[in-house]
Amino acid sequence: MVKLGRLQIAGLAAFPYLLGPLASDASLRAGQLAALVLLGVLFNAYGCTVNDLADARTDRLNPVRQRSPMVDGSTTRRFALVFAAVQALAIVALGSRLSTGRGVLVLTVFVLLLIASYGNVYQKRFGGLHPPAMDLLFGMFMAAPLLLASEIAGGRISAFLFLLTCAFALHAALLNALIGNLKDLAHDHSVRAKTSAILLGARQANQKGPVQVTRAYAIYVLALATIGNAALVGAVVGNAVDPPHLDAVVLITGMVVVRVSA
């Protein structure tokens, strides 16, 4: 279950659910804090499990993925399906509990669950959204918990938090366009996967060979980085109008963590 749900990165998965309340002057109780961390871990585990189920056939052809639980035989498809279903039910139950009857927040949890399902099934497949749109959808999914968790904790949705959320979303989209698209580029091209890197002409002769990028792909990546950094600077400058808050420190730390995780 640890490998299937990527529980080794649980701390990183929970980070957006803590960043939102911290950046909105919310007062988190210990139980509320633990529940938000658990919600982040469950969402991450669910997405990873669905992704492994969707990519099981192509992962068997990828030398890098031979230790995947769905490939090495340590996990059966039936167990993965049950595991995903249990996680989905737990997400709905915990999200509803945290929302304390507020319909908009419950709906947001459902929408995030649908996005996690859709994104992990169709991220590199034909039939899904256009690849750059999938990158942005991933970014939205990663950043939405800032606003959701802030509302759950009774925080204030300020211009600072909004810009921080935009910056987080664009940096997450950037990571997907770079790390997510390039780490298996040769394999993805061989199985006719649909990614922004492949669409914009990036190529790799073999899994260990150098990556050849085109001007179009470089411009796309640079545009995401530029707009994301502009939102980040806007949040910092806007926050400087008020007396210093902890959220400014959290902001910088958050962006550093996201960049280092790449």
C-alpha atoms as a PDB file:
ATOM      1  CA  MET A   1       0.000   0.000   0.000  1.00  0.00           C
ATOM      2  CA  VAL A   2       2.922   2.352   0.707  1.00  0.00           C
ATOM      3  CA  LYS A   3       4.245   2.024  -2.845  1.00  0.00           C
ATOM      4  CA  LEU A   4       0.807   2.078  -4.471  1.00  0.00           C
ATOM      5  CA  GLY A   5      -0.335   5.195  -2.624  1.00  0.00           C
ATOM      6  CA  ARG A   6       3.103   6.897  -2.688  1.00  0.00           C
ATOM      7  CA  LEU A   7       2.861   7.361   1.076  1.00  0.00           C
ATOM      8  CA  GLN A   8       6.581   8.191   1.150  1.00  0.00           C
ATOM      9  CA  ILE A   9       5.685  11.674  -0.137  1.00  0.00           C
ATOM     10  CA  ALA A  10       2.794  12.164   2.267  1.00  0.00           C
ATOM     11  CA  GLY A  11       4.310  15.322   3.733  1.00  0.00           C
ATOM     12  CA  LEU A  12       4.580  16.994   0.347  1.00  0.00           C
ATOM     13  CA  ALA A  13       1.041  15.909  -0.566  1.00  0.00           C
ATOM     14  CA  ALA A  14      -0.345  17.540   2.575  1.00  0.00           C
ATOM     15  CA  PHE A  15       1.561  20.794   2.088  1.00  0.00           C
ATOM     16  CA  PRO A  16      -1.101  22.741   0.076  1.00  0.00           C
ATOM     17  CA  TYR A  17      -3.720  21.878   2.706  1.00  0.00           C
ATOM     18  CA  LEU A  18      -1.580  23.604   5.333  1.00  0.00           C
ATOM     19  CA  LEU A  19      -0.365  26.503   3.206  1.00  0.00           C
ATOM     20  CA  GLY A  20      -3.874  27.881   2.604  1.00  0.00           C
ATOM     21  CA  PRO A  21      -4.885  28.273   6.270  1.00  0.00           C
ATOM     22  CA  LEU A  22      -1.442  29.597   7.223  1.00  0.00           C
ATOM     23  CA  ALA A  23      -1.618  32.228   4.480  1.00  0.00           C
ATOM     24  CA  SER A  24      -5.116  33.393   5.446  1.00  0.00           C
ATOM     25  CA  ASP A  25      -4.692  34.074   9.188  1.00  0.00           C
ATOM     26  CA  ALA A  26      -6.818  31.042  10.096  1.00  0.00           C
ATOM     27  CA  SER A  27      -6.608  29.459  13.523  1.00  0.00           C
ATOM     28  CA  LEU A  28      -6.195  25.716  13.140  1.00  0.00           C
ATOM     29  CA  ARG A  29      -7.120  23.362  15.950  1.00  0.00           C
ATOM     30  CA  ALA A  30      -4.996  20.239  16.385  1.00  0.00           C
ATOM     31  CA  GLY A  31      -7.789  17.921  15.212  1.00  0.00           C
ATOM     32  CA  GLN A  32      -8.545  20.124  12.222  1.00  0.00           C
ATOM     33  CA  LEU A  33      -4.862  20.237  11.308  1.00  0.00           C
ATOM     34  CA  ALA A  34      -4.588  16.446  11.432  1.00  0.00           C
ATOM     35  CA  ALA A  35      -7.760  16.032   9.340  1.00  0.00           C
ATOM     36  CA  LEU A  36      -6.508  18.416   6.624  1.00  0.00           C
ATOM     37  CA  VAL A  37      -3.167  16.585   6.472  1.00  0.00           C
ATOM     38  CA  LEU A  38      -5.027  13.279   6.153  1.00  0.00           C
ATOM     39  CA  LEU A  39      -7.239  14.711   3.374  1.00  0.00           C
ATOM     40  CA  GLY A  40      -4.151  15.740   1.412  1.00  0.00           C
ATOM     41  CA  VAL A  41      -2.552  12.321   1.867  1.00  0.00           C
ATOM     42  CA  LEU A  42      -5.759  10.560   0.771  1.00  0.00           C
ATOM     43  CA  PHE A  43      -6.118  12.694  -2.361  1.00  0.00           C
ATOM     44  CA  ASN A  44      -2.508  12.011  -3.326  1.00  0.00           C
ATOM     45  CA  ALA A  45      -2.803   8.276  -2.675  1.00  0.00           C
ATOM     46  CA  TYR A  46      -6.053   8.083  -4.649  1.00  0.00           C
ATOM     47  CA  GLY A  47      -4.563   9.881  -7.656  1.00  0.00           C
ATOM     48  CA  CYS A  48      -1.460   7.684  -7.664  1.00  0.00           C
ATOM     49  CA  THR A  49      -3.536   4.503  -7.417  1.00  0.00           C
ATOM     50  CA  VAL A  50      -5.815   5.544 -10.290  1.00  0.00           C
ATOM     51  CA  ASN A  51      -2.769   6.501 -12.351  1.00  0.00           C
ATOM     52  CA  ASP A  52      -1.154   3.096 -11.785  1.00  0.00           C
ATOM     53  CA  LEU A  53      -4.387   1.360 -12.778  1.00  0.00           C
ATOM     54  CA  ALA A  54      -4.748   3.453 -15.943  1.00  0.00           C
ATOM     55  CA  ASP A  55      -1.100   3.045 -16.996  1.00  0.00           C
ATOM     56  CA  ALA A  56      -0.615  -0.602 -16.031  1.00  0.00           C
ATOM     57  CA  ARG A  57      -0.367  -1.827 -19.629  1.00  0.00           C
ATOM     58  CA  THR A  58       2.130   0.785 -20.829  1.00  0.00           C
ATOM     59  CA  ASP A  59       4.119   0.703 -17.574  1.00  0.00           C
ATOM     60  CA  ARG A  60       4.989  -2.924 -18.289  1.00  0.00           C
ATOM     61  CA  LEU A  61       6.809  -1.713 -21.413  1.00  0.00           C
ATOM     62  CA  ASN A  62       8.731   0.985 -19.532  1.00  0.00           C
ATOM     63  CA  PRO A  63      12.075  -0.157 -18.014  1.00  0.00           C
ATOM     64  CA  VAL A  64      11.910   2.631 -15.431  1.00  0.00           C
ATOM     65  CA  ARG A  65       8.539   1.423 -14.118  1.00  0.00           C
ATOM     66  CA  GLN A  66       9.441  -2.204 -13.494  1.00  0.00           C
ATOM     67  CA  ARG A  67       9.304  -1.689  -9.732  1.00  0.00           C
ATOM     68  CA  SER A  68       5.787  -0.291  -9.888  1.00  0.00           C
ATOM     69  CA  PRO A  69       3.476  -2.436  -7.693  1.00  0.00           C
ATOM     70  CA  MET A  70       1.160  -3.064 -10.649  1.00  0.00           C
ATOM     71  CA  VAL A  71       4.100  -4.245 -12.767  1.00  0.00           C
ATOM     72  CA  ASP A  72       6.206  -6.296 -10.344  1.00  0.00           C
ATOM     73  CA  GLY A  73       3.181  -8.304  -9.195  1.00  0.00           C
ATOM     74  CA  SER A  74       3.200  -7.089  -5.581  1.00  0.00           C
ATOM     75  CA  THR A  75      -0.298  -5.638  -6.090  1.00  0.00           C
ATOM     76  CA  THR A  76      -3.204  -7.103  -8.047  1.00  0.00           C
ATOM     77  CA  ARG A  77      -5.607  -5.061 -10.145  1.00  0.00           C
ATOM     78  CA  ARG A  78      -8.503  -6.112  -7.920  1.00  0.00           C
ATOM     79  CA  PHE A  79      -6.712  -4.906  -4.779  1.00  0.00           C
ATOM     80  CA  ALA A  80      -5.833  -1.583  -6.456  1.00  0.00           C
ATOM     81  CA  LEU A  81      -9.474  -1.071  -7.471  1.00  0.00           C
ATOM     82  CA  VAL A  82     -10.692  -1.761  -3.922  1.00  0.00           C
ATOM     83  CA  PHE A  83      -7.936   0.457  -2.503  1.00  0.00           C
ATOM     84  CA  ALA A  84      -8.970   3.325  -4.792  1.00  0.00           C
ATOM     85  CA  ALA A  85     -12.656   2.890  -3.920  1.00  0.00           C
ATOM     86  CA  VAL A  86     -11.905   2.952  -0.178  1.00  0.00           C
ATOM     87  CA  GLN A  87      -9.788   6.079  -0.609  1.00  0.00           C
ATOM     88  CA  ALA A  88     -12.557   7.808  -2.591  1.00  0.00           C
ATOM     89  CA  LEU A  89     -15.135   7.021   0.100  1.00  0.00           C
ATOM     90  CA  ALA A  90     -12.754   8.209   2.813  1.00  0.00           C
ATOM     91  CA  ILE A  91     -12.156  11.477   0.921  1.00  0.00           C
ATOM     92  CA  VAL A  92     -15.887  12.129   0.577  1.00  0.00           C
ATOM     93  CA  ALA A  93     -16.561  11.263   4.224  1.00  0.00           C
ATOM     94  CA  LEU A  94     -13.672  13.332   5.598  1.00  0.00           C
ATOM     95  CA  GLY A  95     -14.329  16.230   3.237  1.00  0.00           C
ATOM     96  CA  SER A  96     -18.008  16.306   4.220  1.00  0.00           C
ATOM     97  CA  ARG A  97     -17.074  16.174   7.898  1.00  0.00           C
ATOM     98  CA  LEU A  98     -14.626  19.059   7.554  1.00  0.00           C
ATOM     99  CA  SER A  99     -17.122  21.096   5.518  1.00  0.00           C
ATOM    100  CA  THR A 100     -19.610  21.014   8.427  1.00  0.00           C
ATOM    101  CA  GLY A 101     -22.650  21.089   6.189  1.00  0.00           C
ATOM    102  CA  ARG A 102     -21.479  23.859   3.836  1.00  0.00           C
ATOM    103  CA  GLY A 103     -22.693  22.653   0.445  1.00  0.00           C
ATOM    104  CA  VAL A 104     -20.172  24.619  -1.632  1.00  0.00           C
ATOM    105  CA  LEU A 105     -17.242  23.033   0.191  1.00  0.00           C
ATOM    106  CA  VAL A 106     -18.698  19.526  -0.119  1.00  0.00           C
ATOM    107  CA  LEU A 107     -19.206  20.139  -3.848  1.00  0.00           C
ATOM    108  CA  THR A 108     -15.601  21.342  -4.124  1.00  0.00           C
ATOM    109  CA  VAL A 109     -14.356  18.079  -2.605  1.00  0.00           C
ATOM    110  CA  PHE A 110     -16.448  16.106  -5.122  1.00  0.00           C
ATOM    111  CA  VAL A 111     -15.122  18.212  -8.020  1.00  0.00           C
ATOM    112  CA  LEU A 112     -11.519  17.702  -6.887  1.00  0.00           C
ATOM    113  CA  LEU A 113     -12.160  13.961  -6.695  1.00  0.00           C
ATOM    114  CA  LEU A 114     -13.520  13.984 -10.260  1.00  0.00           C
ATOM    115  CA  ILE A 115     -10.543  16.028 -11.479  1.00  0.00           C
ATOM    116  CA  ALA A 116      -8.142  13.596  -9.794  1.00  0.00           C
ATOM    117  CA  SER A 117      -9.886  10.679 -11.525  1.00  0.00           C
ATOM    118  CA  TYR A 118     -10.051  12.308 -14.948  1.00  0.00           C
ATOM    119  CA  GLY A 119      -6.547  13.765 -14.848  1.00  0.00           C
ATOM    120  CA  ASN A 120      -4.835  10.549 -13.824  1.00  0.00           C
ATOM    121  CA  VAL A 121      -6.710   8.461 -16.406  1.00  0.00           C
ATOM    122  CA  TYR A 122      -6.405  10.802 -19.398  1.00  0.00           C
ATOM    123  CA  GLN A 123      -3.237  12.785 -18.625  1.00  0.00           C
ATOM    124  CA  LYS A 124      -1.226  11.244 -21.471  1.00  0.00           C
ATOM    125  CA  ARG A 125      -4.029   9.671 -23.476  1.00  0.00           C
ATOM    126  CA  PHE A 126      -5.932  10.625 -26.592  1.00  0.00           C
ATOM    127  CA  GLY A 127      -9.509  11.466 -25.767  1.00  0.00           C
ATOM    128  CA  GLY A 128      -8.547  13.830 -22.970  1.00  0.00           C
ATOM    129  CA  LEU A 129      -8.031  17.561 -22.989  1.00  0.00           C
ATOM    130  CA  HIS A 130      -5.356  19.254 -25.105  1.00  0.00           C
ATOM    131  CA  PRO A 131      -1.964  18.611 -23.380  1.00  0.00           C
ATOM    132  CA  PRO A 132      -1.352  22.214 -22.187  1.00  0.00           C
ATOM    133  CA  ALA A 133      -4.909  22.221 -20.808  1.00  0.00           C
ATOM    134  CA  MET A 134      -4.085  19.019 -18.907  1.00  0.00           C
ATOM    135  CA  ASP A 135      -1.008  20.717 -17.433  1.00  0.00           C
ATOM    136  CA  LEU A 136      -3.193  23.600 -16.237  1.00  0.00           C
ATOM    137  CA  LEU A 137      -5.837  21.193 -14.911  1.00  0.00           C
ATOM    138  CA  PHE A 138      -3.114  19.496 -12.854  1.00  0.00           C
ATOM    139  CA  GLY A 139      -2.008  22.895 -11.580  1.00  0.00           C
ATOM    140  CA  MET A 140      -5.563  23.810 -10.596  1.00  0.00           C
ATOM    141  CA  PHE A 141      -5.982  20.508  -8.773  1.00  0.00           C
ATOM    142  CA  MET A 142      -2.760  21.051  -6.826  1.00  0.00           C
ATOM    143  CA  ALA A 143      -3.565  24.669  -5.926  1.00  0.00           C
ATOM    144  CA  ALA A 144      -7.313  24.470  -5.180  1.00  0.00           C
ATOM    145  CA  PRO A 145      -6.681  22.983  -1.697  1.00  0.00           C
ATOM    146  CA  LEU A 146      -5.190  26.323  -0.622  1.00  0.00           C
ATOM    147  CA  LEU A 147      -8.608  27.955  -0.988  1.00  0.00           C
ATOM    148  CA  LEU A 148     -10.564  24.899   0.164  1.00  0.00           C
ATOM    149  CA  ALA A 149      -8.525  24.410   3.337  1.00  0.00           C
ATOM    150  CA  SER A 150      -8.589  28.132   4.084  1.00  0.00           C
ATOM    151  CA  GLU A 151     -12.397  28.152   3.909  1.00  0.00           C
ATOM    152  CA  ILE A 152     -12.630  25.019   6.054  1.00  0.00           C
ATOM    153  CA  ALA A 153     -10.385  26.626   8.690  1.00  0.00           C
ATOM    154  CA  GLY A 154     -12.342  29.894   8.633  1.00  0.00           C
ATOM    155  CA  GLY A 155      -9.573  31.921   7.019  1.00  0.00           C
ATOM    156  CA  ARG A 156      -9.862  35.081   4.943  1.00  0.00           C
ATOM    157  CA  ILE A 157      -9.797  34.775   1.131  1.00  0.00           C
ATOM    158  CA  SER A 158      -7.678  37.819   0.368  1.00  0.00           C
ATOM    159  CA  ALA A 159      -6.010  39.092  -2.804  1.00  0.00           C
ATOM    160  CA  PHE A 160      -2.768  37.742  -1.340  1.00  0.00           C
ATOM    161  CA  LEU A 161      -4.176  34.229  -1.004  1.00  0.00           C
ATOM    162  CA  PHE A 162      -5.711  34.406  -4.481  1.00  0.00           C
ATOM    163  CA  LEU A 163      -2.385  35.413  -6.075  1.00  0.00           C
ATOM    164  CA  LEU A 164      -0.582  32.792  -4.020  1.00  0.00           C
ATOM    165  CA  THR A 165      -3.021  30.168  -5.303  1.00  0.00           C
ATOM    166  CA  CYS A 166      -2.470  31.302  -8.906  1.00  0.00           C
ATOM    167  CA  ALA A 167       1.303  31.181  -8.440  1.00  0.00           C
ATOM    168  CA  PHE A 168       1.093  27.707  -6.907  1.00  0.00           C
ATOM    169  CA  ALA A 169      -1.133  26.477  -9.755  1.00  0.00           C
ATOM    170  CA  LEU A 170       1.182  27.801 -12.468  1.00  0.00           C
ATOM    171  CA  HIS A 171       4.296  26.387 -10.809  1.00  0.00           C
ATOM    172  CA  ALA A 172       2.582  23.008 -10.442  1.00  0.00           C
ATOM    173  CA  ALA A 173       1.615  23.134 -14.133  1.00  0.00           C
ATOM    174  CA  LEU A 174       5.239  23.990 -14.918  1.00  0.00           C
ATOM    175  CA  LEU A 175       6.468  20.978 -12.954  1.00  0.00           C
ATOM    176  CA  ASN A 176       4.046  18.744 -14.824  1.00  0.00           C
ATOM    177  CA  ALA A 177       5.153  20.160 -18.186  1.00  0.00           C
ATOM    178  CA  LEU A 178       8.809  19.622 -17.273  1.00  0.00           C
ATOM    179  CA  ILE A 179       9.218  16.694 -14.877  1.00  0.00           C
ATOM    180  CA  GLY A 180       6.000  14.891 -15.734  1.00  0.00           C
ATOM    181  CA  ASN A 181       6.567  15.217 -19.482  1.00  0.00           C
ATOM    182  CA  LEU A 182      10.317  14.647 -19.682  1.00  0.00           C
ATOM    183  CA  LYS A 183      11.036  11.890 -17.153  1.00  0.00           C
ATOM    184  CA  ASP A 184       9.651   9.168 -19.476  1.00  0.00           C
ATOM    185  CA  LEU A 185       9.899  11.060 -22.765  1.00  0.00           C
ATOM    186  CA  ALA A 186      11.391   8.251 -24.883  1.00  0.00           C
ATOM    187  CA  HIS A 187       8.874   5.717 -23.572  1.00  0.00           C
ATOM    188  CA  ASP A 188       5.942   8.114 -23.917  1.00  0.00           C
ATOM    189  CA  HIS A 189       6.869   8.781 -27.541  1.00  0.00           C
ATOM    190  CA  SER A 190       7.166   5.058 -28.277  1.00  0.00           C
ATOM    191  CA  VAL A 191       3.663   4.336 -26.965  1.00  0.00           C
ATOM    192  CA  ARG A 192       2.205   7.430 -28.673  1.00  0.00           C
ATOM    193  CA  ALA A 193       1.404   9.231 -25.448  1.00  0.00           C
ATOM    194  CA  LYS A 194      -0.113  12.690 -25.625  1.00  0.00           C
ATOM    195  CA  THR A 195       1.913  15.295 -23.691  1.00  0.00           C
ATOM    196  CA  SER A 196       2.838  18.938 -24.127  1.00  0.00           C
ATOM    197  CA  ALA A 197       6.503  18.026 -24.625  1.00  0.00           C
ATOM    198  CA  ILE A 198       5.731  15.574 -27.433  1.00  0.00           C
ATOM    199  CA  LEU A 199       3.146  17.880 -28.987  1.00  0.00           C
ATOM    200  CA  LEU A 200       5.708  20.718 -29.094  1.00  0.00           C
ATOM    201  CA  GLY A 201       8.446  18.564 -30.582  1.00  0.00           C
ATOM    202  CA  ALA A 202      10.645  17.455 -27.654  1.00  0.00           C
ATOM    203  CA  ARG A 203      12.355  14.141 -28.356  1.00  0.00           C
ATOM    204  CA  GLN A 204      14.688  11.613 -26.705  1.00  0.00           C
ATOM    205  CA  ALA A 205      16.376   8.800 -28.610  1.00  0.00           C
ATOM    206  CA  ASN A 206      16.374   6.444 -25.604  1.00  0.00           C
ATOM    207  CA  GLN A 207      15.553   6.545 -21.901  1.00  0.00           C
ATOM    208  CA  LYS A 208      19.107   7.512 -20.903  1.00  0.00           C
ATOM    209  CA  GLY A 209      19.848   9.771 -23.855  1.00  0.00           C
ATOM    210  CA  PRO A 210      19.808  13.585 -23.924  1.00  0.00           C
ATOM    211  CA  VAL A 211      16.501  15.380 -24.345  1.00  0.00           C
ATOM    212  CA  GLN A 212      16.167  17.511 -27.454  1.00  0.00           C
ATOM    213  CA  VAL A 213      13.804  20.422 -26.953  1.00  0.00           C
ATOM    214  CA  THR A 214      12.338  22.740 -29.546  1.00  0.00           C
ATOM    215  CA  ARG A 215      11.902  26.493 -29.404  1.00  0.00           C
ATOM    216  CA  ALA A 216       8.125  26.052 -29.106  1.00  0.00           C
ATOM    217  CA  TYR A 217       8.472  23.831 -26.021  1.00  0.00           C
ATOM    218  CA  ALA A 218      11.027  26.181 -24.441  1.00  0.00           C
ATOM    219  CA  ILE A 219       8.706  29.163 -24.994  1.00  0.00           C
ATOM    220  CA  TYR A 220       5.778  27.250 -23.452  1.00  0.00           C
ATOM    221  CA  VAL A 221       7.775  26.335 -20.346  1.00  0.00           C
ATOM    222  CA  LEU A 222       9.212  29.847 -20.058  1.00  0.00           C
ATOM    223  CA  ALA A 223       5.715  31.353 -20.335  1.00  0.00           C
ATOM    224  CA  LEU A 224       4.426  29.216 -17.449  1.00  0.00           C
ATOM    225  CA  ALA A 225       7.453  30.158 -15.331  1.00  0.00           C
ATOM    226  CA  THR A 226       7.163  33.865 -16.146  1.00  0.00           C
ATOM    227  CA  ILE A 227       3.444  34.146 -15.395  1.00  0.00           C
ATOM    228  CA  GLY A 228       3.815  32.028 -12.259  1.00  0.00           C
ATOM    229  CA  ASN A 229       6.665  34.173 -10.991  1.00  0.00           C
ATOM    230  CA  ALA A 230       4.691  37.342 -11.815  1.00  0.00           C
ATOM    231  CA  ALA A 231       1.821  36.085  -9.637  1.00  0.00           C
ATOM    232  CA  LEU A 232       4.309  35.243  -6.906  1.00  0.00           C
ATOM    233  CA  VAL A 233       5.869  38.713  -7.029  1.00  0.00           C
ATOM    234  CA  GLY A 234       2.393  40.271  -7.049  1.00  0.00           C
ATOM    235  CA  ALA A 235       1.484  38.369  -3.895  1.00  0.00           C
ATOM    236  CA  VAL A 236       4.679  39.445  -2.126  1.00  0.00           C
ATOM    237  CA  VAL A 237       4.359  43.107  -3.189  1.00  0.00           C
ATOM    238  CA  GLY A 238       0.675  43.214  -2.269  1.00  0.00           C
ATOM    239  CA  ASN A 239       1.372  41.682   1.111  1.00  0.00           C
ATOM    240  CA  ALA A 240       4.102  44.244   1.794  1.00  0.00           C
ATOM    241  CA  VAL A 241       1.431  46.962   2.010  1.00  0.00           C
ATOM    242  CA  ASP A 242       0.335  45.515   5.347  1.00  0.00           C
ATOM    243  CA  PRO A 243       2.582  44.852   8.349  1.00  0.00           C
ATOM    244  CA  PRO A 244       4.651  41.661   7.929  1.00  0.00           C
ATOM    245  CA  HIS A 245       2.723  38.449   8.457  1.00  0.00           C
ATOM    246  CA  LEU A 246       3.707  34.835   8.823  1.00  0.00           C
ATOM    247  CA  ASP A 247       2.055  34.201   5.471  1.00  0.00           C
ATOM    248  CA  ALA A 248       4.896  35.999   3.636  1.00  0.00           C
ATOM    249  CA  VAL A 249       7.380  33.560   5.152  1.00  0.00           C
ATOM    250  CA  VAL A 250       5.052  30.658   4.360  1.00  0.00           C
ATOM    251  CA  LEU A 251       4.765  31.893   0.781  1.00  0.00           C
ATOM    252  CA  ILE A 252       8.502  31.908   0.168  1.00  0.00           C
ATOM    253  CA  THR A 253       8.940  28.563   1.923  1.00  0.00           C
ATOM    254  CA  GLY A 254       6.102  27.060  -0.099  1.00  0.00           C
ATOM    255  CA  MET A 255       7.525  28.065  -3.432  1.00  0.00           C
ATOM    256  CA  VAL A 256      10.976  26.790  -2.416  1.00  0.00           C
ATOM    257  CA  VAL A 257       9.499  23.420  -1.425  1.00  0.00           C
ATOM    258  CA  VAL A 258       7.643  23.156  -4.744  1.00  0.00           C
ATOM    259  CA  ARG A 259      10.786  23.980  -6.724  1.00  0.00           C
ATOM    260  CA  VAL A 260      13.031  21.638  -4.710  1.00  0.00           C
ATOM    261  CA  SER A 261      10.527  18.792  -5.118  1.00  0.00           C
ATOM    262  CA  ALA A 262      11.233  18.918  -8.871  1.00  0.00           C
END
